[in-house]
Amino acid sequence: MADRFVPGITISVAFGLVLLSVGFFVAYIHHIANCIRLITIATRIRRETEAAIERVAAPDAVAVPLPDTVVGATRTVASRRSGVVAVDTAGLVRLCAQGDAWLRLVPRVGDYVPAGALLMVVACSGPLDEDRLRAGVRFDLERDPHQDVAFGLRRLVDIAERALSPGVNDPTTAVRPAATKLS
């Protein structure tokens, strides 16, 4: 009987890699199981919401009281795009300070705005570039938990509401507009 060659090192390395793969697979399954636990999800949402509250209510935020009488003409600025509103607050404050103006954003952060809808009311004594004002407002497909405090609270309420519901309900989908594509 002739000696047959058995690649011992190759078989040992392959067996070791199989064991390593099984170990990584078990660790991955454990990680996913922990990620979808209710307490993990609720804790992550709570942390995001607390961080958003701290950002929105920062002590260095500029709070300028609105004048009793409006100086200059009041103009409205319409949205050119559709989507969920997010705002560059610092940029808009700088722009209004440069033009000695004030503005009131009509939709709240996190609200869905269709194209052509009223976006803001601006009062200023001089010219103010509407395109630069519009640039201070971003339109997203989804609500942003980093800027929208109400979104985190809404997600926590949805979790509690679904937990109490005897059927399969999805109230967030019910209040969300059917068109999610940005124009």
Protein backbone atom coordinates (compact mmCIF):
# COMPACT_ATOMS: atom_id res chain seq x y z
CA MET A 1 0.00 0.00 0.00
CA ALA A 2 1.46 3.32 -1.06
CA ASP A 3 1.68 6.25 1.31
CA ARG A 4 -1.01 8.81 0.57
CA PHE A 5 -0.39 12.49 1.09
CA VAL A 6 -2.70 14.13 3.63
CA PRO A 7 -2.42 17.93 3.81
CA GLY A 8 -2.44 18.11 7.61
CA ILE A 9 -1.64 21.81 7.93
CA THR A 10 -4.34 22.77 5.42
CA ILE A 11 -6.96 20.64 7.17
CA SER A 12 -5.97 22.04 10.57
CA VAL A 13 -6.17 25.65 9.33
CA ALA A 14 -9.52 24.98 7.64
CA PHE A 15 -10.90 23.37 10.80
CA GLY A 16 -9.67 26.32 12.89
CA LEU A 17 -11.33 28.78 10.49
CA VAL A 18 -14.60 26.82 10.70
CA LEU A 19 -14.50 27.03 14.50
CA LEU A 20 -13.68 30.74 14.31
CA SER A 21 -16.60 31.29 11.90
CA VAL A 22 -19.00 29.44 14.20
CA GLY A 23 -17.77 31.57 17.13
CA PHE A 24 -18.31 34.81 15.21
CA PHE A 25 -21.76 33.62 14.10
CA VAL A 26 -22.80 32.87 17.69
CA ALA A 27 -21.47 36.27 18.82
CA TYR A 28 -23.39 37.97 15.98
CA ILE A 29 -26.64 36.20 16.90
CA HIS A 30 -26.13 37.21 20.54
CA HIS A 31 -25.49 40.83 19.52
CA ILE A 32 -28.62 40.97 17.31
CA ALA A 33 -30.75 39.39 20.06
CA ASN A 34 -29.57 42.08 22.48
CA CYS A 35 -30.13 44.89 19.95
CA ILE A 36 -33.80 44.06 19.44
CA ARG A 37 -34.65 43.81 23.12
CA LEU A 38 -37.16 46.44 24.21
CA ILE A 39 -34.98 47.81 26.99
CA THR A 40 -32.05 48.30 24.61
CA ILE A 41 -34.20 50.12 22.05
CA ALA A 42 -35.92 52.30 24.67
CA THR A 43 -32.57 53.18 26.28
CA ARG A 44 -31.08 54.19 22.92
CA ILE A 45 -34.13 56.34 22.11
CA ARG A 46 -33.97 57.94 25.58
CA ARG A 47 -30.29 58.81 25.14
CA GLU A 48 -30.89 60.31 21.67
CA THR A 49 -33.83 62.34 22.97
CA GLU A 50 -31.90 63.64 25.99
CA ALA A 51 -29.02 64.65 23.70
CA ALA A 52 -31.48 66.45 21.40
CA ILE A 53 -33.01 68.28 24.36
CA GLU A 54 -29.55 69.40 25.48
CA ARG A 55 -28.71 70.63 21.97
CA VAL A 56 -31.99 72.46 21.48
CA ALA A 57 -32.03 73.99 24.97
CA ALA A 58 -28.30 74.79 25.06
CA PRO A 59 -27.40 77.67 27.41
CA ASP A 60 -25.50 79.44 24.62
CA ALA A 61 -28.53 79.43 22.29
CA VAL A 62 -29.52 82.87 21.10
CA ALA A 63 -33.02 83.84 22.18
CA VAL A 64 -34.04 87.10 20.57
CA PRO A 65 -37.40 88.53 21.57
CA LEU A 66 -39.68 89.41 18.69
CA PRO A 67 -40.33 93.13 18.29
CA ASP A 68 -43.72 94.52 19.30
CA THR A 69 -44.00 96.23 15.95
CA VAL A 70 -42.52 94.83 12.79
CA VAL A 71 -39.97 97.08 11.14
CA GLY A 72 -40.05 96.71 7.40
CA ALA A 73 -42.18 94.61 5.13
CA THR A 74 -43.33 91.13 6.05
CA ARG A 75 -42.80 88.52 3.36
CA THR A 76 -43.62 84.88 3.13
CA VAL A 77 -41.20 82.28 1.83
CA ALA A 78 -42.59 79.11 0.30
CA SER A 79 -40.90 75.74 0.19
CA ARG A 80 -39.57 74.61 -3.16
CA ARG A 81 -39.14 71.01 -2.05
CA SER A 82 -41.10 68.44 -0.11
CA GLY A 83 -39.85 66.61 2.94
CA VAL A 84 -39.41 66.54 6.67
CA VAL A 85 -38.06 69.84 8.02
CA ALA A 86 -34.66 70.13 9.71
CA VAL A 87 -33.12 73.54 10.44
CA ASP A 88 -29.65 75.07 10.52
CA THR A 89 -30.49 77.34 13.45
CA ALA A 90 -27.08 78.99 13.76
CA GLY A 91 -26.96 79.76 10.04
CA LEU A 92 -30.42 81.32 10.03
CA VAL A 93 -29.64 83.40 13.13
CA ARG A 94 -26.44 84.71 11.47
CA LEU A 95 -28.33 85.50 8.26
CA CYS A 96 -31.06 87.37 10.12
CA ALA A 97 -28.48 89.28 12.18
CA GLN A 98 -26.69 90.37 9.00
CA GLY A 99 -29.91 91.60 7.41
CA ASP A 100 -31.41 93.04 10.62
CA ALA A 101 -34.39 90.75 10.19
CA TRP A 102 -36.46 88.25 12.10
CA LEU A 103 -38.17 85.16 10.85
CA ARG A 104 -40.74 82.71 12.05
CA LEU A 105 -40.51 79.17 10.79
CA VAL A 106 -44.09 78.03 10.18
CA PRO A 107 -43.67 74.23 10.32
CA ARG A 108 -42.01 72.71 13.34
CA VAL A 109 -38.80 70.73 13.07
CA GLY A 110 -39.87 67.21 12.11
CA ASP A 111 -43.06 68.27 10.29
CA TYR A 112 -43.67 67.15 6.72
CA VAL A 113 -43.90 70.07 4.28
CA PRO A 114 -45.12 69.67 0.69
CA ALA A 115 -43.56 71.72 -2.09
CA GLY A 116 -45.15 75.15 -2.38
CA ALA A 117 -46.32 75.29 1.24
CA LEU A 118 -45.60 78.23 3.51
CA LEU A 119 -42.15 77.75 5.03
CA MET A 120 -41.40 80.97 6.90
CA VAL A 121 -42.51 84.53 7.50
CA VAL A 122 -39.70 87.10 7.29
CA ALA A 123 -39.65 90.74 8.32
CA CYS A 124 -36.72 92.98 7.54
CA SER A 125 -36.05 96.58 6.65
CA GLY A 126 -33.72 95.76 3.77
CA PRO A 127 -33.28 93.13 1.09
CA LEU A 128 -32.83 89.54 2.19
CA ASP A 129 -31.97 86.66 -0.13
CA GLU A 130 -34.80 84.11 0.00
CA ASP A 131 -32.58 81.40 -1.48
CA ARG A 132 -30.13 81.79 1.41
CA LEU A 133 -33.06 81.57 3.83
CA ARG A 134 -34.29 78.40 2.14
CA ALA A 135 -30.75 76.99 2.34
CA GLY A 136 -31.03 77.15 6.13
CA VAL A 137 -33.83 74.59 6.00
CA ARG A 138 -33.07 71.02 5.01
CA PHE A 139 -35.68 68.53 3.79
CA ASP A 140 -35.12 64.89 4.68
CA LEU A 141 -36.97 61.67 3.99
CA GLU A 142 -37.15 60.77 7.69
CA ARG A 143 -37.37 62.69 10.93
CA ASP A 144 -33.98 63.44 12.53
CA PRO A 145 -33.67 62.26 16.14
CA HIS A 146 -30.67 64.56 16.66
CA GLN A 147 -32.66 67.75 16.16
CA ASP A 148 -36.29 66.72 16.62
CA VAL A 149 -37.08 66.24 20.32
CA ALA A 150 -40.68 65.30 19.60
CA PHE A 151 -39.55 62.39 17.41
CA GLY A 152 -37.88 60.57 20.29
CA LEU A 153 -40.91 61.10 22.48
CA ARG A 154 -43.16 59.92 19.66
CA ARG A 155 -41.16 56.70 19.25
CA LEU A 156 -41.41 55.97 22.98
CA VAL A 157 -45.16 56.62 22.94
CA ASP A 158 -45.54 54.36 19.88
CA ILE A 159 -43.74 51.54 21.70
CA ALA A 160 -46.02 51.92 24.71
CA GLU A 161 -49.13 52.20 22.53
CA ARG A 162 -48.28 49.08 20.57
CA ALA A 163 -47.59 47.23 23.79
CA LEU A 164 -51.12 48.06 24.98
CA SER A 165 -52.81 47.32 21.66
CA PRO A 166 -54.49 43.92 21.27
CA GLY A 167 -54.01 44.03 17.49
CA VAL A 168 -51.21 44.99 15.18
CA ASN A 169 -51.47 48.76 14.84
CA ASP A 170 -49.01 51.24 13.38
CA PRO A 171 -50.09 54.80 14.27
CA THR A 172 -46.91 56.41 12.97
CA THR A 173 -47.62 55.13 9.47
CA ALA A 174 -51.20 56.37 9.75
CA VAL A 175 -50.13 59.99 10.36
CA ARG A 176 -47.27 59.98 7.89
CA PRO A 177 -47.95 61.24 4.37
CA ALA A 178 -48.19 58.66 1.66
CA ALA A 179 -45.60 60.36 -0.56
CA THR A 180 -42.12 59.89 0.87
CA LYS A 181 -40.17 60.82 -2.22
CA LEU A 182 -38.57 64.26 -2.09
CA SER A 183 -39.25 66.45 -5.06
